[in-house]
Amino acid sequence: YTIEAEIQKQEFSVADPATANVAPQDGSELALNALADADLDGI
């Protein structure tokens, strides 16, 4: 399951974070109904 984030605010400094949107794509072959018993890993 791969998600590319869309950068919204690029610059950051102390106490002023950068932000990005993570919007899962429709049509993915992965479905949430199996998450309950899955031991997930990721980066």
PDB file of all heavy atoms in Angstrom:
ATOM      1  N   TYR A   1       0.855  -1.174   0.000  1.00  0.00           N
ATOM      2  CA  TYR A   1       0.000   0.000   0.000  1.00  0.00           C
ATOM      3  C   TYR A   1       0.897   1.233   0.000  1.00  0.00           C
ATOM      4  O   TYR A   1       1.597   1.507   0.968  1.00  0.00           O
ATOM      5  CB  TYR A   1      -0.859  -0.067   1.250  1.00  0.00           C
ATOM      6  CG  TYR A   1      -1.891   1.005   1.422  1.00  0.00           C
ATOM      7  CD1 TYR A   1      -2.371   1.750   0.358  1.00  0.00           C
ATOM      8  CD2 TYR A   1      -2.415   1.258   2.685  1.00  0.00           C
ATOM      9  CE1 TYR A   1      -3.337   2.715   0.549  1.00  0.00           C
ATOM     10  CE2 TYR A   1      -3.381   2.206   2.887  1.00  0.00           C
ATOM     11  CZ  TYR A   1      -3.836   2.941   1.821  1.00  0.00           C
ATOM     12  OH  TYR A   1      -4.790   3.891   2.018  1.00  0.00           O
ATOM     13  N   THR A   2       0.909   1.994  -1.089  1.00  0.00           N
ATOM     14  CA  THR A   2       1.784   3.148  -1.246  1.00  0.00           C
ATOM     15  C   THR A   2       0.958   4.415  -1.394  1.00  0.00           C
ATOM     16  O   THR A   2       0.007   4.459  -2.177  1.00  0.00           O
ATOM     17  CB  THR A   2       2.700   2.990  -2.474  1.00  0.00           C
ATOM     18  OG1 THR A   2       3.465   1.794  -2.330  1.00  0.00           O
ATOM     19  CG2 THR A   2       3.651   4.170  -2.598  1.00  0.00           C
ATOM     20  N   ILE A   3       1.324   5.431  -0.649  1.00  0.00           N
ATOM     21  CA  ILE A   3       0.611   6.707  -0.704  1.00  0.00           C
ATOM     22  C   ILE A   3       1.624   7.832  -0.872  1.00  0.00           C
ATOM     23  O   ILE A   3       2.534   7.978  -0.059  1.00  0.00           O
ATOM     24  CB  ILE A   3      -0.186   6.991   0.582  1.00  0.00           C
ATOM     25  CG1 ILE A   3      -0.959   5.758   1.055  1.00  0.00           C
ATOM     26  CG2 ILE A   3      -1.127   8.167   0.372  1.00  0.00           C
ATOM     27  CD1 ILE A   3      -1.531   5.913   2.437  1.00  0.00           C
ATOM     28  N   GLU A   4       1.480   8.605  -1.917  1.00  0.00           N
ATOM     29  CA  GLU A   4       2.288   9.805  -2.101  1.00  0.00           C
ATOM     30  C   GLU A   4       1.562  10.983  -1.467  1.00  0.00           C
ATOM     31  O   GLU A   4       0.385  11.229  -1.740  1.00  0.00           O
ATOM     32  CB  GLU A   4       2.502  10.080  -3.595  1.00  0.00           C
ATOM     33  CG  GLU A   4       3.271   9.000  -4.334  1.00  0.00           C
ATOM     34  CD  GLU A   4       4.757   9.053  -4.081  1.00  0.00           C
ATOM     35  OE1 GLU A   4       5.221  10.061  -3.512  1.00  0.00           O
ATOM     36  OE2 GLU A   4       5.443   8.080  -4.434  1.00  0.00           O
ATOM     37  N   ALA A   5       2.249  11.710  -0.602  1.00  0.00           N
ATOM     38  CA  ALA A   5       1.635  12.861   0.047  1.00  0.00           C
ATOM     39  C   ALA A   5       1.752  14.097  -0.842  1.00  0.00           C
ATOM     40  O   ALA A   5       2.704  14.242  -1.607  1.00  0.00           O
ATOM     41  CB  ALA A   5       2.297  13.122   1.390  1.00  0.00           C
ATOM     42  N   GLU A   6       0.790  14.960  -0.725  1.00  0.00           N
ATOM     43  CA  GLU A   6       0.785  16.221  -1.478  1.00  0.00           C
ATOM     44  C   GLU A   6       1.201  17.354  -0.541  1.00  0.00           C
ATOM     45  O   GLU A   6       0.503  17.647   0.437  1.00  0.00           O
ATOM     46  CB  GLU A   6      -0.603  16.495  -2.043  1.00  0.00           C
ATOM     47  CG  GLU A   6      -0.693  17.778  -2.854  1.00  0.00           C
ATOM     48  CD  GLU A   6      -2.104  18.050  -3.366  1.00  0.00           C
ATOM     49  OE1 GLU A   6      -2.983  17.186  -3.170  1.00  0.00           O
ATOM     50  OE2 GLU A   6      -2.319  19.136  -3.954  1.00  0.00           O
ATOM     51  N   ILE A   7       2.360  17.960  -0.822  1.00  0.00           N
ATOM     52  CA  ILE A   7       2.881  19.017   0.040  1.00  0.00           C
ATOM     53  C   ILE A   7       1.941  20.226   0.001  1.00  0.00           C
ATOM     54  O   ILE A   7       1.583  20.731  -1.070  1.00  0.00           O
ATOM     55  CB  ILE A   7       4.294  19.442  -0.383  1.00  0.00           C
ATOM     56  CG1 ILE A   7       5.233  18.235  -0.432  1.00  0.00           C
ATOM     57  CG2 ILE A   7       4.842  20.517   0.553  1.00  0.00           C
ATOM     58  CD1 ILE A   7       5.457  17.564   0.879  1.00  0.00           C
ATOM     59  N   GLN A   8       1.556  20.715   1.161  1.00  0.00           N
ATOM     60  CA  GLN A   8       0.708  21.895   1.259  1.00  0.00           C
ATOM     61  C   GLN A   8       1.510  23.126   1.691  1.00  0.00           C
ATOM     62  O   GLN A   8       1.395  24.188   1.108  1.00  0.00           O
ATOM     63  CB  GLN A   8      -0.419  21.635   2.269  1.00  0.00           C
ATOM     64  CG  GLN A   8      -1.359  20.520   1.855  1.00  0.00           C
ATOM     65  CD  GLN A   8      -2.049  20.820   0.534  1.00  0.00           C
ATOM     66  OE1 GLN A   8      -2.730  21.841   0.394  1.00  0.00           O
ATOM     67  NE2 GLN A   8      -1.861  19.946  -0.442  1.00  0.00           N
ATOM     68  N   LYS A   9       2.297  22.970   2.720  1.00  0.00           N
ATOM     69  CA  LYS A   9       3.159  24.051   3.203  1.00  0.00           C
ATOM     70  C   LYS A   9       4.577  23.496   3.253  1.00  0.00           C
ATOM     71  O   LYS A   9       4.879  22.605   4.035  1.00  0.00           O
ATOM     72  CB  LYS A   9       2.708  24.522   4.583  1.00  0.00           C
ATOM     73  CG  LYS A   9       3.583  25.613   5.187  1.00  0.00           C
ATOM     74  CD  LYS A   9       3.042  26.038   6.556  1.00  0.00           C
ATOM     75  CE  LYS A   9       3.922  27.098   7.192  1.00  0.00           C
ATOM     76  NZ  LYS A   9       5.256  26.570   7.560  1.00  0.00           N
ATOM     77  N   GLN A  10       5.453  24.026   2.405  1.00  0.00           N
ATOM     78  CA  GLN A  10       6.773  23.423   2.246  1.00  0.00           C
ATOM     79  C   GLN A  10       7.772  23.885   3.289  1.00  0.00           C
ATOM     80  O   GLN A  10       8.530  23.091   3.837  1.00  0.00           O
ATOM     81  CB  GLN A  10       7.330  23.708   0.853  1.00  0.00           C
ATOM     82  CG  GLN A  10       8.660  22.997   0.588  1.00  0.00           C
ATOM     83  CD  GLN A  10       9.177  23.229  -0.812  1.00  0.00           C
ATOM     84  OE1 GLN A  10       9.058  24.323  -1.351  1.00  0.00           O
ATOM     85  NE2 GLN A  10       9.752  22.194  -1.405  1.00  0.00           N
ATOM     86  N   GLU A  11       7.825  25.150   3.593  1.00  0.00           N
ATOM     87  CA  GLU A  11       8.846  25.662   4.500  1.00  0.00           C
ATOM     88  C   GLU A  11       8.479  25.384   5.957  1.00  0.00           C
ATOM     89  O   GLU A  11       7.305  25.350   6.327  1.00  0.00           O
ATOM     90  CB  GLU A  11       9.040  27.159   4.296  1.00  0.00           C
ATOM     91  CG  GLU A  11       9.711  27.499   2.974  1.00  0.00           C
ATOM     92  CD  GLU A  11      10.156  28.948   2.910  1.00  0.00           C
ATOM     93  OE1 GLU A  11       9.749  29.747   3.791  1.00  0.00           O
ATOM     94  OE2 GLU A  11      10.924  29.298   1.987  1.00  0.00           O
ATOM     95  N   PHE A  12       9.505  25.171   6.769  1.00  0.00           N
ATOM     96  CA  PHE A  12       9.280  24.983   8.197  1.00  0.00           C
ATOM     97  C   PHE A  12      10.438  25.581   8.971  1.00  0.00           C
ATOM     98  O   PHE A  12      11.552  25.739   8.456  1.00  0.00           O
ATOM     99  CB  PHE A  12       9.117  23.501   8.549  1.00  0.00           C
ATOM    100  CG  PHE A  12      10.358  22.665   8.316  1.00  0.00           C
ATOM    101  CD1 PHE A  12      11.314  22.521   9.312  1.00  0.00           C
ATOM    102  CD2 PHE A  12      10.571  22.036   7.096  1.00  0.00           C
ATOM    103  CE1 PHE A  12      12.456  21.762   9.101  1.00  0.00           C
ATOM    104  CE2 PHE A  12      11.713  21.275   6.869  1.00  0.00           C
ATOM    105  CZ  PHE A  12      12.661  21.140   7.881  1.00  0.00           C
ATOM    106  N   SER A  13      10.169  25.926  10.207  1.00  0.00           N
ATOM    107  CA  SER A  13      11.194  26.392  11.135  1.00  0.00           C
ATOM    108  C   SER A  13      10.748  25.960  12.522  1.00  0.00           C
ATOM    109  O   SER A  13       9.772  25.221  12.670  1.00  0.00           O
ATOM    110  CB  SER A  13      11.357  27.922  11.046  1.00  0.00           C
ATOM    111  OG  SER A  13      10.121  28.557  11.280  1.00  0.00           O
ATOM    112  N   VAL A  14      11.454  26.405  13.550  1.00  0.00           N
ATOM    113  CA  VAL A  14      11.077  26.016  14.904  1.00  0.00           C
ATOM    114  C   VAL A  14       9.657  26.506  15.199  1.00  0.00           C
ATOM    115  O   VAL A  14       9.321  27.660  14.950  1.00  0.00           O
ATOM    116  CB  VAL A  14      12.077  26.610  15.921  1.00  0.00           C
ATOM    117  CG1 VAL A  14      11.635  26.319  17.360  1.00  0.00           C
ATOM    118  CG2 VAL A  14      13.466  26.039  15.674  1.00  0.00           C
ATOM    119  N   ALA A  15       8.807  25.591  15.659  1.00  0.00           N
ATOM    120  CA  ALA A  15       7.421  25.886  16.035  1.00  0.00           C
ATOM    121  C   ALA A  15       6.537  26.252  14.842  1.00  0.00           C
ATOM    122  O   ALA A  15       5.426  26.737  15.022  1.00  0.00           O
ATOM    123  CB  ALA A  15       7.356  27.003  17.078  1.00  0.00           C
ATOM    124  N   ASP A  16       7.001  26.014  13.625  1.00  0.00           N
ATOM    125  CA  ASP A  16       6.203  26.317  12.430  1.00  0.00           C
ATOM    126  C   ASP A  16       6.360  25.167  11.442  1.00  0.00           C
ATOM    127  O   ASP A  16       7.209  25.213  10.550  1.00  0.00           O
ATOM    128  CB  ASP A  16       6.671  27.636  11.814  1.00  0.00           C
ATOM    129  CG  ASP A  16       5.798  28.060  10.634  1.00  0.00           C
ATOM    130  OD1 ASP A  16       4.667  27.545  10.511  1.00  0.00           O
ATOM    131  OD2 ASP A  16       6.262  28.903   9.840  1.00  0.00           O
ATOM    132  N   PRO A  17       5.544  24.103  11.576  1.00  0.00           N
ATOM    133  CA  PRO A  17       5.758  22.892  10.776  1.00  0.00           C
ATOM    134  C   PRO A  17       5.424  23.063   9.303  1.00  0.00           C
ATOM    135  O   PRO A  17       4.604  23.904   8.916  1.00  0.00           O
ATOM    136  CB  PRO A  17       4.795  21.871  11.414  1.00  0.00           C
ATOM    137  CG  PRO A  17       4.355  22.472  12.705  1.00  0.00           C
ATOM    138  CD  PRO A  17       4.454  23.951  12.535  1.00  0.00           C
ATOM    139  N   ALA A  18       6.059  22.245   8.489  1.00  0.00           N
ATOM    140  CA  ALA A  18       5.593  22.009   7.126  1.00  0.00           C
ATOM    141  C   ALA A  18       4.457  21.006   7.196  1.00  0.00           C
ATOM    142  O   ALA A  18       4.359  20.214   8.140  1.00  0.00           O
ATOM    143  CB  ALA A  18       6.722  21.460   6.268  1.00  0.00           C
ATOM    144  N   THR A  19       3.570  21.018   6.183  1.00  0.00           N
ATOM    145  CA  THR A  19       2.438  20.093   6.183  1.00  0.00           C
ATOM    146  C   THR A  19       2.248  19.482   4.803  1.00  0.00           C
ATOM    147  O   THR A  19       2.669  20.036   3.784  1.00  0.00           O
ATOM    148  CB  THR A  19       1.133  20.801   6.595  1.00  0.00           C
ATOM    149  OG1 THR A  19       0.874  21.881   5.689  1.00  0.00           O
ATOM    150  CG2 THR A  19       1.219  21.331   8.016  1.00  0.00           C
ATOM    151  N   ALA A  20       1.600  18.332   4.794  1.00  0.00           N
ATOM    152  CA  ALA A  20       1.283  17.644   3.543  1.00  0.00           C
ATOM    153  C   ALA A  20       0.015  16.834   3.748  1.00  0.00           C
ATOM    154  O   ALA A  20      -0.270  16.358   4.853  1.00  0.00           O
ATOM    155  CB  ALA A  20       2.434  16.737   3.111  1.00  0.00           C
ATOM    156  N   ASN A  21      -0.762  16.676   2.673  1.00  0.00           N
ATOM    157  CA  ASN A  21      -1.985  15.883   2.719  1.00  0.00           C
ATOM    158  C   ASN A  21      -1.707  14.450   2.299  1.00  0.00           C
ATOM    159  O   ASN A  21      -1.010  14.201   1.309  1.00  0.00           O
ATOM    160  CB  ASN A  21      -3.052  16.473   1.791  1.00  0.00           C
ATOM    161  CG  ASN A  21      -3.601  17.783   2.296  1.00  0.00           C
ATOM    162  OD1 ASN A  21      -3.489  18.091   3.490  1.00  0.00           O
ATOM    163  ND2 ASN A  21      -4.198  18.572   1.411  1.00  0.00           N
ATOM    164  N   VAL A  22      -2.263  13.507   3.026  1.00  0.00           N
ATOM    165  CA  VAL A  22      -2.185  12.086   2.691  1.00  0.00           C
ATOM    166  C   VAL A  22      -3.597  11.624   2.376  1.00  0.00           C
ATOM    167  O   VAL A  22      -4.420  11.451   3.264  1.00  0.00           O
ATOM    168  CB  VAL A  22      -1.599  11.259   3.847  1.00  0.00           C
ATOM    169  CG1 VAL A  22      -1.585   9.782   3.499  1.00  0.00           C
ATOM    170  CG2 VAL A  22      -0.200  11.741   4.182  1.00  0.00           C
ATOM    171  N   ALA A  23      -3.871  11.456   1.112  1.00  0.00           N
ATOM    172  CA  ALA A  23      -5.210  11.055   0.671  1.00  0.00           C
ATOM    173  C   ALA A  23      -5.126   9.715  -0.042  1.00  0.00           C
ATOM    174  O   ALA A  23      -4.628   9.650  -1.175  1.00  0.00           O
ATOM    175  CB  ALA A  23      -5.815  12.109  -0.260  1.00  0.00           C
ATOM    176  N   PRO A  24      -5.553   8.621   0.569  1.00  0.00           N
ATOM    177  CA  PRO A  24      -5.504   7.313  -0.091  1.00  0.00           C
ATOM    178  C   PRO A  24      -6.246   7.331  -1.417  1.00  0.00           C
ATOM    179  O   PRO A  24      -7.252   8.020  -1.578  1.00  0.00           O
ATOM    180  CB  PRO A  24      -6.186   6.393   0.923  1.00  0.00           C
ATOM    181  CG  PRO A  24      -6.010   7.092   2.236  1.00  0.00           C
ATOM    182  CD  PRO A  24      -6.087   8.544   1.921  1.00  0.00           C
ATOM    183  N   GLN A  25      -5.742   6.589  -2.368  1.00  0.00           N
ATOM    184  CA  GLN A  25      -6.302   6.602  -3.716  1.00  0.00           C
ATOM    185  C   GLN A  25      -7.440   5.597  -3.858  1.00  0.00           C
ATOM    186  O   GLN A  25      -7.349   4.466  -3.397  1.00  0.00           O
ATOM    187  CB  GLN A  25      -5.201   6.293  -4.728  1.00  0.00           C
ATOM    188  CG  GLN A  25      -4.083   7.316  -4.721  1.00  0.00           C
ATOM    189  CD  GLN A  25      -2.947   6.947  -5.662  1.00  0.00           C
ATOM    190  OE1 GLN A  25      -3.027   5.939  -6.355  1.00  0.00           O
ATOM    191  NE2 GLN A  25      -1.914   7.765  -5.683  1.00  0.00           N
ATOM    192  N   ASP A  26      -8.496   6.015  -4.499  1.00  0.00           N
ATOM    193  CA  ASP A  26      -9.597   5.101  -4.791  1.00  0.00           C
ATOM    194  C   ASP A  26      -9.106   3.995  -5.719  1.00  0.00           C
ATOM    195  O   ASP A  26      -8.202   4.196  -6.532  1.00  0.00           O
ATOM    196  CB  ASP A  26     -10.752   5.862  -5.466  1.00  0.00           C
ATOM    197  CG  ASP A  26     -11.429   6.824  -4.502  1.00  0.00           C
ATOM    198  OD1 ASP A  26     -11.538   6.471  -3.327  1.00  0.00           O
ATOM    199  OD2 ASP A  26     -11.826   7.922  -4.942  1.00  0.00           O
ATOM    200  N   GLY A  27      -9.710   2.846  -5.603  1.00  0.00           N
ATOM    201  CA  GLY A  27      -9.363   1.753  -6.494  1.00  0.00           C
ATOM    202  C   GLY A  27      -8.216   0.915  -6.003  1.00  0.00           C
ATOM    203  O   GLY A  27      -7.780  -0.019  -6.678  1.00  0.00           O
ATOM    204  N   SER A  28      -7.679   1.222  -4.788  1.00  0.00           N
ATOM    205  CA  SER A  28      -6.597   0.403  -4.275  1.00  0.00           C
ATOM    206  C   SER A  28      -7.077  -1.022  -4.050  1.00  0.00           C
ATOM    207  O   SER A  28      -8.235  -1.270  -3.725  1.00  0.00           O
ATOM    208  CB  SER A  28      -6.100   0.971  -2.943  1.00  0.00           C
ATOM    209  OG  SER A  28      -5.210   0.086  -2.344  1.00  0.00           O
ATOM    210  N   GLU A  29      -6.176  -1.982  -4.229  1.00  0.00           N
ATOM    211  CA  GLU A  29      -6.504  -3.385  -4.001  1.00  0.00           C
ATOM    212  C   GLU A  29      -6.504  -3.737  -2.513  1.00  0.00           C
ATOM    213  O   GLU A  29      -6.830  -4.860  -2.127  1.00  0.00           O
ATOM    214  CB  GLU A  29      -5.511  -4.289  -4.745  1.00  0.00           C
ATOM    215  CG  GLU A  29      -5.569  -4.162  -6.257  1.00  0.00           C
ATOM    216  CD  GLU A  29      -4.578  -5.098  -6.939  1.00  0.00           C
ATOM    217  OE1 GLU A  29      -3.971  -5.913  -6.233  1.00  0.00           O
ATOM    218  OE2 GLU A  29      -4.431  -5.004  -8.167  1.00  0.00           O
ATOM    219  N   LEU A  30      -6.122  -2.779  -1.689  1.00  0.00           N
ATOM    220  CA  LEU A  30      -6.051  -3.024  -0.255  1.00  0.00           C
ATOM    221  C   LEU A  30      -7.336  -2.532   0.392  1.00  0.00           C
ATOM    222  O   LEU A  30      -7.844  -1.475   0.051  1.00  0.00           O
ATOM    223  CB  LEU A  30      -4.846  -2.281   0.326  1.00  0.00           C
ATOM    224  CG  LEU A  30      -3.542  -2.524  -0.433  1.00  0.00           C
ATOM    225  CD1 LEU A  30      -2.477  -1.554   0.040  1.00  0.00           C
ATOM    226  CD2 LEU A  30      -3.088  -3.945  -0.231  1.00  0.00           C
ATOM    227  N   ALA A  31      -7.903  -3.277   1.304  1.00  0.00           N
ATOM    228  CA  ALA A  31      -9.170  -2.886   1.921  1.00  0.00           C
ATOM    229  C   ALA A  31      -9.070  -2.891   3.438  1.00  0.00           C
ATOM    230  O   ALA A  31      -8.359  -3.689   4.035  1.00  0.00           O
ATOM    231  CB  ALA A  31     -10.274  -3.822   1.463  1.00  0.00           C
ATOM    232  N   LEU A  32      -9.774  -1.974   4.064  1.00  0.00           N
ATOM    233  CA  LEU A  32      -9.682  -1.792   5.491  1.00  0.00           C
ATOM    234  C   LEU A  32     -10.285  -2.939   6.290  1.00  0.00           C
ATOM    235  O   LEU A  32      -9.959  -3.122   7.457  1.00  0.00           O
ATOM    236  CB  LEU A  32     -10.404  -0.494   5.871  1.00  0.00           C
ATOM    237  CG  LEU A  32      -9.717   0.786   5.376  1.00  0.00           C
ATOM    238  CD1 LEU A  32     -10.610   1.973   5.631  1.00  0.00           C
ATOM    239  CD2 LEU A  32      -8.392   0.960   6.051  1.00  0.00           C
ATOM    240  N   ASN A  33     -11.158  -3.718   5.693  1.00  0.00           N
ATOM    241  CA  ASN A  33     -11.848  -4.733   6.481  1.00  0.00           C
ATOM    242  C   ASN A  33     -10.955  -5.847   6.977  1.00  0.00           C
ATOM    243  O   ASN A  33     -11.375  -6.678   7.772  1.00  0.00           O
ATOM    244  CB  ASN A  33     -13.031  -5.323   5.690  1.00  0.00           C
ATOM    245  CG  ASN A  33     -12.588  -5.953   4.386  1.00  0.00           C
ATOM    246  OD1 ASN A  33     -11.407  -6.161   4.169  1.00  0.00           O
ATOM    247  ND2 ASN A  33     -13.545  -6.239   3.505  1.00  0.00           N
ATOM    248  N   ALA A  34      -9.706  -5.914   6.530  1.00  0.00           N
ATOM    249  CA  ALA A  34      -8.792  -6.949   7.004  1.00  0.00           C
ATOM    250  C   ALA A  34      -7.786  -6.401   8.009  1.00  0.00           C
ATOM    251  O   ALA A  34      -6.908  -7.123   8.465  1.00  0.00           O
ATOM    252  CB  ALA A  34      -8.057  -7.580   5.832  1.00  0.00           C
ATOM    253  N   LEU A  35      -7.884  -5.111   8.352  1.00  0.00           N
ATOM    254  CA  LEU A  35      -6.880  -4.504   9.211  1.00  0.00           C
ATOM    255  C   LEU A  35      -6.924  -5.006  10.646  1.00  0.00           C
ATOM    256  O   LEU A  35      -5.930  -4.971  11.347  1.00  0.00           O
ATOM    257  CB  LEU A  35      -7.051  -2.985   9.224  1.00  0.00           C
ATOM    258  CG  LEU A  35      -6.543  -2.230   7.994  1.00  0.00           C
ATOM    259  CD1 LEU A  35      -6.868  -0.766   8.130  1.00  0.00           C
ATOM    260  CD2 LEU A  35      -5.069  -2.437   7.805  1.00  0.00           C
ATOM    261  N   ALA A  36      -8.052  -5.466  11.092  1.00  0.00           N
ATOM    262  CA  ALA A  36      -8.223  -5.768  12.502  1.00  0.00           C
ATOM    263  C   ALA A  36      -7.209  -6.778  13.022  1.00  0.00           C
ATOM    264  O   ALA A  36      -6.747  -6.680  14.153  1.00  0.00           O
ATOM    265  CB  ALA A  36      -9.638  -6.267  12.751  1.00  0.00           C
ATOM    266  N   ASP A  37      -6.876  -7.770  12.214  1.00  0.00           N
ATOM    267  CA  ASP A  37      -5.951  -8.797  12.691  1.00  0.00           C
ATOM    268  C   ASP A  37      -4.621  -8.778  11.959  1.00  0.00           C
ATOM    269  O   ASP A  37      -3.870  -9.736  12.010  1.00  0.00           O
ATOM    270  CB  ASP A  37      -6.585 -10.186  12.559  1.00  0.00           C
ATOM    271  CG  ASP A  37      -6.875 -10.549  11.097  1.00  0.00           C
ATOM    272  OD1 ASP A  37      -6.769  -9.647  10.244  1.00  0.00           O
ATOM    273  OD2 ASP A  37      -7.206 -11.720  10.836  1.00  0.00           O
ATOM    274  N   ALA A  38      -4.314  -7.673  11.289  1.00  0.00           N
ATOM    275  CA  ALA A  38      -3.056  -7.589  10.539  1.00  0.00           C
ATOM    276  C   ALA A  38      -1.972  -6.952  11.404  1.00  0.00           C
ATOM    277  O   ALA A  38      -2.203  -5.968  12.092  1.00  0.00           O
ATOM    278  CB  ALA A  38      -3.256  -6.771   9.270  1.00  0.00           C
ATOM    279  N   ASP A  39      -0.790  -7.523  11.343  1.00  0.00           N
ATOM    280  CA  ASP A  39       0.378  -6.975  12.027  1.00  0.00           C
ATOM    281  C   ASP A  39       1.154  -6.153  11.008  1.00  0.00           C
ATOM    282  O   ASP A  39       2.015  -6.664  10.310  1.00  0.00           O
ATOM    283  CB  ASP A  39       1.225  -8.115  12.592  1.00  0.00           C
ATOM    284  CG  ASP A  39       2.470  -7.603  13.302  1.00  0.00           C
ATOM    285  OD1 ASP A  39       2.493  -6.413  13.665  1.00  0.00           O
ATOM    286  OD2 ASP A  39       3.412  -8.393  13.478  1.00  0.00           O
ATOM    287  N   LEU A  40       0.846  -4.869  10.939  1.00  0.00           N
ATOM    288  CA  LEU A  40       1.368  -4.041   9.853  1.00  0.00           C
ATOM    289  C   LEU A  40       2.763  -3.504  10.158  1.00  0.00           C
ATOM    290  O   LEU A  40       3.134  -3.279  11.301  1.00  0.00           O
ATOM    291  CB  LEU A  40       0.431  -2.864   9.598  1.00  0.00           C
ATOM    292  CG  LEU A  40      -1.001  -3.203   9.199  1.00  0.00           C
ATOM    293  CD1 LEU A  40      -1.789  -1.931   8.992  1.00  0.00           C
ATOM    294  CD2 LEU A  40      -1.012  -4.052   7.944  1.00  0.00           C
ATOM    295  N   ASP A  41       3.500  -3.299   9.096  1.00  0.00           N
ATOM    296  CA  ASP A  41       4.783  -2.612   9.170  1.00  0.00           C
ATOM    297  C   ASP A  41       4.781  -1.594   8.042  1.00  0.00           C
ATOM    298  O   ASP A  41       3.920  -1.617   7.148  1.00  0.00           O
ATOM    299  CB  ASP A  41       5.940  -3.599   9.011  1.00  0.00           C
ATOM    300  CG  ASP A  41       7.269  -3.038   9.527  1.00  0.00           C
ATOM    301  OD1 ASP A  41       7.330  -1.827   9.816  1.00  0.00           O
ATOM    302  OD2 ASP A  41       8.234  -3.811   9.634  1.00  0.00           O
ATOM    303  N   GLY A  42       5.738  -0.682   8.049  1.00  0.00           N
ATOM    304  CA  GLY A  42       5.798   0.299   6.975  1.00  0.00           C
ATOM    305  C   GLY A  42       6.879   1.323   7.218  1.00  0.00           C
ATOM    306  O   GLY A  42       7.507   1.372   8.281  1.00  0.00           O
ATOM    307  N   ILE A  43       7.118   2.123   6.198  1.00  0.00           N
ATOM    308  CA  ILE A  43       8.124   3.182   6.276  1.00  0.00           C
ATOM    309  C   ILE A  43       7.572   4.464   5.675  1.00  0.00           C
ATOM    310  O   ILE A  43       6.684   4.437   4.811  1.00  0.00           O
ATOM    311  CB  ILE A  43       9.428   2.803   5.540  1.00  0.00           C
ATOM    312  CG1 ILE A  43       9.141   2.373   4.095  1.00  0.00           C
ATOM    313  CG2 ILE A  43      10.185   1.721   6.294  1.00  0.00           C
ATOM    314  CD1 ILE A  43      10.383   2.051   3.274  1.00  0.00           C
TER     315      ILE A  43
END
